[in-house]
PDB file of N, CA and C in Angstrom:
ATOM      1  N   MET A   1     135.605   4.576  23.796  1.00  0.00           N
ATOM      2  CA  MET A   1     136.380   5.549  23.759  1.00  0.00           C
ATOM      3  C   MET A   1     136.316   6.645  24.298  1.00  0.00           C
ATOM      4  N   SER A   2     136.434   6.629  25.822  1.00  0.00           N
ATOM      5  CA  SER A   2     135.788   7.973  26.200  1.00  0.00           C
ATOM      6  C   SER A   2     136.261   9.148  25.352  1.00  0.00           C
ATOM      7  N   LYS A   3     135.160  10.230  25.835  1.00  0.00           N
ATOM      8  CA  LYS A   3     135.178  11.454  25.409  1.00  0.00           C
ATOM      9  C   LYS A   3     135.026  12.278  26.076  1.00  0.00           C
ATOM     10  N   GLU A   4     135.768  13.792  26.280  1.00  0.00           N
ATOM     11  CA  GLU A   4     135.313  14.824  27.037  1.00  0.00           C
ATOM     12  C   GLU A   4     134.593  15.719  25.971  1.00  0.00           C
ATOM     13  N   ILE A   5     133.415  16.374  26.802  1.00  0.00           N
ATOM     14  CA  ILE A   5     132.618  17.188  26.013  1.00  0.00           C
ATOM     15  C   ILE A   5     132.108  18.234  27.132  1.00  0.00           C
ATOM     16  N   ALA A   6     132.117  19.428  27.253  1.00  0.00           N
ATOM     17  CA  ALA A   6     131.980  20.180  28.151  1.00  0.00           C
ATOM     18  C   ALA A   6     132.758  20.330  29.494  1.00  0.00           C
ATOM     19  N   GLY A   7     133.662  19.568  29.588  1.00  0.00           N
ATOM     20  CA  GLY A   7     134.836  19.714  30.781  1.00  0.00           C
ATOM     21  C   GLY A   7     134.460  18.737  31.461  1.00  0.00           C
ATOM     22  N   ARG A   8     133.554  17.593  31.215  1.00  0.00           N
ATOM     23  CA  ARG A   8     132.970  16.440  31.201  1.00  0.00           C
ATOM     24  C   ARG A   8     133.694  15.043  30.358  1.00  0.00           C
ATOM     25  N   ILE A   9     133.420  14.108  31.339  1.00  0.00           N
ATOM     26  CA  ILE A   9     134.145  12.829  30.405  1.00  0.00           C
ATOM     27  C   ILE A   9     133.502  11.718  30.905  1.00  0.00           C
ATOM     28  N   PHE A  10     132.630  11.404  29.466  1.00  0.00           N
ATOM     29  CA  PHE A  10     131.832  10.558  29.228  1.00  0.00           C
ATOM     30  C   PHE A  10     132.590   8.789  28.670  1.00  0.00           C
ATOM     31  N   SER A  11     132.279   7.785  29.487  1.00  0.00           N
ATOM     32  CA  SER A  11     132.622   6.447  29.158  1.00  0.00           C
ATOM     33  C   SER A  11     131.751   5.527  29.320  1.00  0.00           C
ATOM     34  N   THR A  12     131.613   4.438  28.742  1.00  0.00           N
ATOM     35  CA  THR A  12     130.819   3.530  29.022  1.00  0.00           C
ATOM     36  C   THR A  12     131.290   2.664  30.183  1.00  0.00           C
ATOM     37  N   PRO A  13     130.195   2.059  30.660  1.00  0.00           N
ATOM     38  CA  PRO A  13     130.298   1.470  31.913  1.00  0.00           C
ATOM     39  C   PRO A  13     131.635   0.448  31.954  1.00  0.00           C
ATOM     40  N   GLN A  14     131.998  -0.242  31.106  1.00  0.00           N
ATOM     41  CA  GLN A  14     132.973  -1.220  31.046  1.00  0.00           C
ATOM     42  C   GLN A  14     134.388  -0.356  30.890  1.00  0.00           C
ATOM     43  N   GLU A  15     134.296   0.797  30.251  1.00  0.00           N
ATOM     44  CA  GLU A  15     135.431   1.354  30.358  1.00  0.00           C
ATOM     45  C   GLU A  15     135.610   2.267  31.598  1.00  0.00           C
ATOM     46  N   ALA A  16     134.443   2.629  32.180  1.00  0.00           N
ATOM     47  CA  ALA A  16     134.833   3.086  33.706  1.00  0.00           C
ATOM     48  C   ALA A  16     135.109   1.720  35.008  1.00  0.00           C
ATOM     49  N   GLY A  17     135.072   0.347  34.214  1.00  0.00           N
ATOM     50  CA  GLY A  17     135.061  -0.604  35.728  1.00  0.00           C
ATOM     51  C   GLY A  17     134.078  -0.748  36.274  1.00  0.00           C
ATOM     52  N   VAL A  18     132.809  -0.033  35.719  1.00  0.00           N
ATOM     53  CA  VAL A  18     131.852  -0.569  36.724  1.00  0.00           C
ATOM     54  C   VAL A  18     131.056  -1.630  36.634  1.00  0.00           C
ATOM     55  N   GLU A  19     130.881  -1.925  37.858  1.00  0.00           N
ATOM     56  CA  GLU A  19     129.590  -3.745  37.043  1.00  0.00           C
ATOM     57  C   GLU A  19     128.174  -3.709  36.829  1.00  0.00           C
ATOM     58  N   PRO A  20     128.063  -4.260  35.861  1.00  0.00           N
ATOM     59  CA  PRO A  20     126.753  -4.124  35.710  1.00  0.00           C
ATOM     60  C   PRO A  20     125.798  -4.722  37.017  1.00  0.00           C
ATOM     61  N   LEU A  21     124.168  -3.646  37.154  1.00  0.00           N
ATOM     62  CA  LEU A  21     123.464  -4.196  38.436  1.00  0.00           C
ATOM     63  C   LEU A  21     122.934  -5.519  38.121  1.00  0.00           C
ATOM     64  N   THR A  22     122.722  -5.905  39.420  1.00  0.00           N
ATOM     65  CA  THR A  22     121.774  -7.831  38.706  1.00  0.00           C
ATOM     66  C   THR A  22     120.013  -6.960  38.576  1.00  0.00           C
ATOM     67  N   PRO A  23     119.208  -7.635  38.179  1.00  0.00           N
ATOM     68  CA  PRO A  23     118.024  -8.026  37.480  1.00  0.00           C
ATOM     69  C   PRO A  23     117.149  -7.088  39.247  1.00  0.00           C
ATOM     70  N   GLU A  24     117.682  -7.914  40.177  1.00  0.00           N
ATOM     71  CA  GLU A  24     117.128  -7.322  41.548  1.00  0.00           C
ATOM     72  C   GLU A  24     117.562  -6.218  42.143  1.00  0.00           C
ATOM     73  N   GLU A  25     119.190  -5.947  41.700  1.00  0.00           N
ATOM     74  CA  GLU A  25     119.403  -4.232  42.467  1.00  0.00           C
ATOM     75  C   GLU A  25     118.536  -3.680  41.334  1.00  0.00           C
ATOM     76  N   LEU A  26     118.533  -3.534  39.974  1.00  0.00           N
ATOM     77  CA  LEU A  26     117.626  -2.553  39.194  1.00  0.00           C
ATOM     78  C   LEU A  26     116.774  -2.194  39.771  1.00  0.00           C
ATOM     79  N   ASP A  27     115.130  -3.794  39.682  1.00  0.00           N
ATOM     80  CA  ASP A  27     114.020  -3.146  40.298  1.00  0.00           C
ATOM     81  C   ASP A  27     113.984  -2.320  41.328  1.00  0.00           C
ATOM     82  N   LYS A  28     115.277  -2.639  42.349  1.00  0.00           N
ATOM     83  CA  LYS A  28     115.219  -2.483  44.092  1.00  0.00           C
ATOM     84  C   LYS A  28     115.468  -0.882  43.892  1.00  0.00           C
ATOM     85  N   TYR A  29     116.219  -0.108  43.012  1.00  0.00           N
ATOM     86  CA  TYR A  29     116.797   1.444  42.704  1.00  0.00           C
ATOM     87  C   TYR A  29     115.274   1.898  41.905  1.00  0.00           C
ATOM     88  N   LYS A  30     114.898   1.590  41.107  1.00  0.00           N
ATOM     89  CA  LYS A  30     114.142   1.872  40.374  1.00  0.00           C
ATOM     90  C   LYS A  30     113.000   2.066  40.950  1.00  0.00           C
ATOM     91  N   GLU A  31     112.392   1.418  42.099  1.00  0.00           N
ATOM     92  CA  GLU A  31     111.514   1.623  42.959  1.00  0.00           C
ATOM     93  C   GLU A  31     111.869   2.473  43.918  1.00  0.00           C
ATOM     94  N   LYS A  32     112.775   2.785  44.529  1.00  0.00           N
ATOM     95  CA  LYS A  32     113.718   3.760  45.439  1.00  0.00           C
ATOM     96  C   LYS A  32     113.231   5.707  44.478  1.00  0.00           C
ATOM     97  N   PHE A  33     114.039   5.137  42.846  1.00  0.00           N
ATOM     98  CA  PHE A  33     113.938   6.134  42.555  1.00  0.00           C
ATOM     99  C   PHE A  33     111.941   6.811  42.180  1.00  0.00           C
ATOM    100  N   LYS A  34     111.243   5.715  42.193  1.00  0.00           N
ATOM    101  CA  LYS A  34     109.641   6.305  41.987  1.00  0.00           C
ATOM    102  C   LYS A  34     109.267   6.828  43.010  1.00  0.00           C
ATOM    103  N   GLU A  35     109.667   5.906  44.293  1.00  0.00           N
ATOM    104  CA  GLU A  35     109.182   6.813  45.700  1.00  0.00           C
ATOM    105  C   GLU A  35     109.084   7.912  45.860  1.00  0.00           C
ATOM    106  N   ALA A  36     110.849   8.516  45.292  1.00  0.00           N
ATOM    107  CA  ALA A  36     111.377   9.774  45.661  1.00  0.00           C
ATOM    108  C   ALA A  36     110.629  10.974  44.567  1.00  0.00           C
ATOM    109  N   ARG A  37     110.498  10.514  43.351  1.00  0.00           N
ATOM    110  CA  ARG A  37     109.444  11.264  42.576  1.00  0.00           C
ATOM    111  C   ARG A  37     108.524  11.668  43.046  1.00  0.00           C
ATOM    112  N   GLN A  38     107.278  10.621  43.407  1.00  0.00           N
ATOM    113  CA  GLN A  38     106.276  10.885  44.287  1.00  0.00           C
ATOM    114  C   GLN A  38     106.601  11.729  45.560  1.00  0.00           C
ATOM    115  N   ARG A  39     106.904  11.721  46.377  1.00  0.00           N
ATOM    116  CA  ARG A  39     107.611  12.566  47.514  1.00  0.00           C
ATOM    117  C   ARG A  39     107.593  13.925  46.919  1.00  0.00           C
ATOM    118  N   LEU A  40     108.274  13.926  46.142  1.00  0.00           N
ATOM    119  CA  LEU A  40     108.547  15.350  45.636  1.00  0.00           C
ATOM    120  C   LEU A  40     107.433  16.461  44.774  1.00  0.00           C
ATOM    121  N   ARG A  41     106.417  15.171  44.167  1.00  0.00           N
ATOM    122  CA  ARG A  41     105.554  15.904  43.563  1.00  0.00           C
ATOM    123  C   ARG A  41     104.850  15.986  44.777  1.00  0.00           C
ATOM    124  N   SER A  42     104.445  15.315  45.091  1.00  0.00           N
ATOM    125  CA  SER A  42     103.346  15.593  46.729  1.00  0.00           C
ATOM    126  C   SER A  42     104.028  16.971  47.086  1.00  0.00           C
ATOM    127  N   THR A  43     104.782  17.345  47.365  1.00  0.00           N
ATOM    128  CA  THR A  43     105.420  18.819  48.206  1.00  0.00           C
ATOM    129  C   THR A  43     105.004  19.405  47.265  1.00  0.00           C
ATOM    130  N   ILE A  44     105.223  19.790  46.020  1.00  0.00           N
ATOM    131  CA  ILE A  44     104.747  20.790  45.285  1.00  0.00           C
ATOM    132  C   ILE A  44     103.333  21.693  45.581  1.00  0.00           C
ATOM    133  N   THR A  45     103.184  22.612  45.830  1.00  0.00           N
ATOM    134  CA  THR A  45     101.721  23.034  46.020  1.00  0.00           C
ATOM    135  C   THR A  45     101.513  23.913  44.641  1.00  0.00           C
ATOM    136  N   ASP A  46     102.135  24.384  43.565  1.00  0.00           N
ATOM    137  CA  ASP A  46     101.729  25.765  43.308  1.00  0.00           C
ATOM    138  C   ASP A  46     101.903  24.696  41.530  1.00  0.00           C
ATOM    139  N   PRO A  47     100.695  24.559  41.066  1.00  0.00           N
ATOM    140  CA  PRO A  47     100.877  24.082  39.826  1.00  0.00           C
ATOM    141  C   PRO A  47     101.559  24.389  38.687  1.00  0.00           C
ATOM    142  N   ASP A  48     101.912  25.647  38.651  1.00  0.00           N
ATOM    143  CA  ASP A  48     102.847  25.965  37.773  1.00  0.00           C
ATOM    144  C   ASP A  48     104.298  25.763  37.507  1.00  0.00           C
ATOM    145  N   ILE A  49     104.621  24.889  38.997  1.00  0.00           N
ATOM    146  CA  ILE A  49     106.186  24.765  38.919  1.00  0.00           C
ATOM    147  C   ILE A  49     106.056  23.242  38.654  1.00  0.00           C
ATOM    148  N   ILE A  50     106.707  22.874  37.292  1.00  0.00           N
ATOM    149  CA  ILE A  50     106.709  21.395  36.831  1.00  0.00           C
ATOM    150  C   ILE A  50     108.171  20.870  37.505  1.00  0.00           C
ATOM    151  N   ALA A  51     108.316  19.409  38.334  1.00  0.00           N
ATOM    152  CA  ALA A  51     109.242  19.360  38.718  1.00  0.00           C
ATOM    153  C   ALA A  51     109.743  18.055  38.292  1.00  0.00           C
ATOM    154  N   GLY A  52     111.444  18.377  37.758  1.00  0.00           N
ATOM    155  CA  GLY A  52     111.423  17.495  36.445  1.00  0.00           C
ATOM    156  C   GLY A  52     111.913  15.898  37.174  1.00  0.00           C
ATOM    157  N   ASP A  53     112.373  15.099  36.309  1.00  0.00           N
ATOM    158  CA  ASP A  53     112.570  13.874  36.956  1.00  0.00           C
ATOM    159  C   ASP A  53     114.200  13.912  37.137  1.00  0.00           C
ATOM    160  N   LYS A  54     115.173  14.867  37.112  1.00  0.00           N
ATOM    161  CA  LYS A  54     116.270  15.172  36.654  1.00  0.00           C
ATOM    162  C   LYS A  54     116.745  15.603  37.998  1.00  0.00           C
ATOM    163  N   PHE A  55     117.497  15.469  38.680  1.00  0.00           N
ATOM    164  CA  PHE A  55     117.950  16.278  39.912  1.00  0.00           C
ATOM    165  C   PHE A  55     118.979  17.134  39.800  1.00  0.00           C
ATOM    166  N   TYR A  56     119.830  17.104  38.910  1.00  0.00           N
ATOM    167  CA  TYR A  56     120.484  18.383  38.243  1.00  0.00           C
ATOM    168  C   TYR A  56     120.598  18.736  36.757  1.00  0.00           C
ATOM    169  N   ASP A  57     121.482  19.545  36.376  1.00  0.00           N
ATOM    170  CA  ASP A  57     121.691  19.873  34.827  1.00  0.00           C
ATOM    171  C   ASP A  57     122.932  20.313  34.652  1.00  0.00           C
ATOM    172  N   ASP A  58     123.569  19.660  33.823  1.00  0.00           N
ATOM    173  CA  ASP A  58     124.902  20.417  33.602  1.00  0.00           C
ATOM    174  C   ASP A  58     125.021  21.126  32.514  1.00  0.00           C
ATOM    175  N   ILE A  59     124.115  21.133  31.447  1.00  0.00           N
ATOM    176  CA  ILE A  59     124.261  21.975  30.710  1.00  0.00           C
ATOM    177  C   ILE A  59     123.704  23.237  30.755  1.00  0.00           C
ATOM    178  N   SER A  60     122.571  23.211  31.802  1.00  0.00           N
ATOM    179  CA  SER A  60     121.465  24.764  31.527  1.00  0.00           C
ATOM    180  C   SER A  60     123.336  25.666  31.843  1.00  0.00           C
ATOM    181  N   GLY A  61     123.079  26.974  30.332  1.00  0.00           N
ATOM    182  CA  GLY A  61     123.914  27.791  30.631  1.00  0.00           C
ATOM    183  C   GLY A  61     124.836  27.850  29.595  1.00  0.00           C
ATOM    184  N   THR A  62     125.229  26.657  29.549  1.00  0.00           N
ATOM    185  CA  THR A  62     126.214  26.632  28.998  1.00  0.00           C
ATOM    186  C   THR A  62     126.375  26.671  27.242  1.00  0.00           C
ATOM    187  N   GLU A  63     127.110  26.417  26.504  1.00  0.00           N
ATOM    188  CA  GLU A  63     126.639  26.834  25.060  1.00  0.00           C
ATOM    189  C   GLU A  63     126.244  25.304  24.529  1.00  0.00           C
ATOM    190  N   PHE A  64     126.199  24.431  24.968  1.00  0.00           N
ATOM    191  CA  PHE A  64     124.969  23.285  24.760  1.00  0.00           C
ATOM    192  C   PHE A  64     123.757  23.023  25.320  1.00  0.00           C
ATOM    193  N   ASP A  65     123.280  24.140  26.163  1.00  0.00           N
ATOM    194  CA  ASP A  65     121.765  24.751  26.101  1.00  0.00           C
ATOM    195  C   ASP A  65     121.291  24.694  24.958  1.00  0.00           C
ATOM    196  N   PRO A  66     120.222  23.812  24.930  1.00  0.00           N
ATOM    197  CA  PRO A  66     119.443  23.895  23.592  1.00  0.00           C
ATOM    198  C   PRO A  66     118.513  25.412  23.429  1.00  0.00           C
ATOM    199  N   ARG A  67     118.512  25.495  24.557  1.00  0.00           N
ATOM    200  CA  ARG A  67     117.302  26.986  25.104  1.00  0.00           C
ATOM    201  C   ARG A  67     117.890  28.261  24.667  1.00  0.00           C
ATOM    202  N   ARG A  68     119.408  28.241  24.596  1.00  0.00           N
ATOM    203  CA  ARG A  68     120.302  29.354  24.568  1.00  0.00           C
ATOM    204  C   ARG A  68     120.306  29.688  22.948  1.00  0.00           C
ATOM    205  N   GLY A  69     120.109  30.893  22.559  1.00  0.00           N
ATOM    206  CA  GLY A  69     120.362  31.056  21.184  1.00  0.00           C
ATOM    207  C   GLY A  69     121.622  31.315  20.900  1.00  0.00           C
ATOM    208  N   LYS A  70     121.995  30.925  19.404  1.00  0.00           N
ATOM    209  CA  LYS A  70     123.316  31.145  19.058  1.00  0.00           C
ATOM    210  C   LYS A  70     124.137  32.581  19.559  1.00  0.00           C
ATOM    211  N   SER A  71     123.706  33.832  19.821  1.00  0.00           N
ATOM    212  CA  SER A  71     124.681  34.854  20.062  1.00  0.00           C
ATOM    213  C   SER A  71     124.241  35.445  21.297  1.00  0.00           C
ATOM    214  N   ASP A  72     124.004  34.681  22.467  1.00  0.00           N
ATOM    215  CA  ASP A  72     124.060  34.395  23.601  1.00  0.00           C
ATOM    216  C   ASP A  72     125.369  34.824  23.972  1.00  0.00           C
ATOM    217  N   SER A  73     126.041  35.468  24.732  1.00  0.00           N
ATOM    218  CA  SER A  73     127.120  35.107  25.688  1.00  0.00           C
ATOM    219  C   SER A  73     126.829  34.701  27.163  1.00  0.00           C
ATOM    220  N   LEU A  74     127.934  34.517  27.934  1.00  0.00           N
ATOM    221  CA  LEU A  74     127.929  33.877  29.368  1.00  0.00           C
ATOM    222  C   LEU A  74     128.224  35.180  29.926  1.00  0.00           C
TER     223      LEU A  74
END
């Protein structure tokens, strides 16, 4: 069953009507992500900057952000 959390709707792939990827497609996309991560990391010149594997962060700054204290307000 779909669930709404922080304004986002979470569903299983079957609930969303998404066809599963074939093993060949999955391997192809994993290789593309690996190449993209390598290109991203090769452009960073400052060793103090850490390039994460995520391209976005939906919970940063929300009440679900684990780095925020209970008393923080928006």
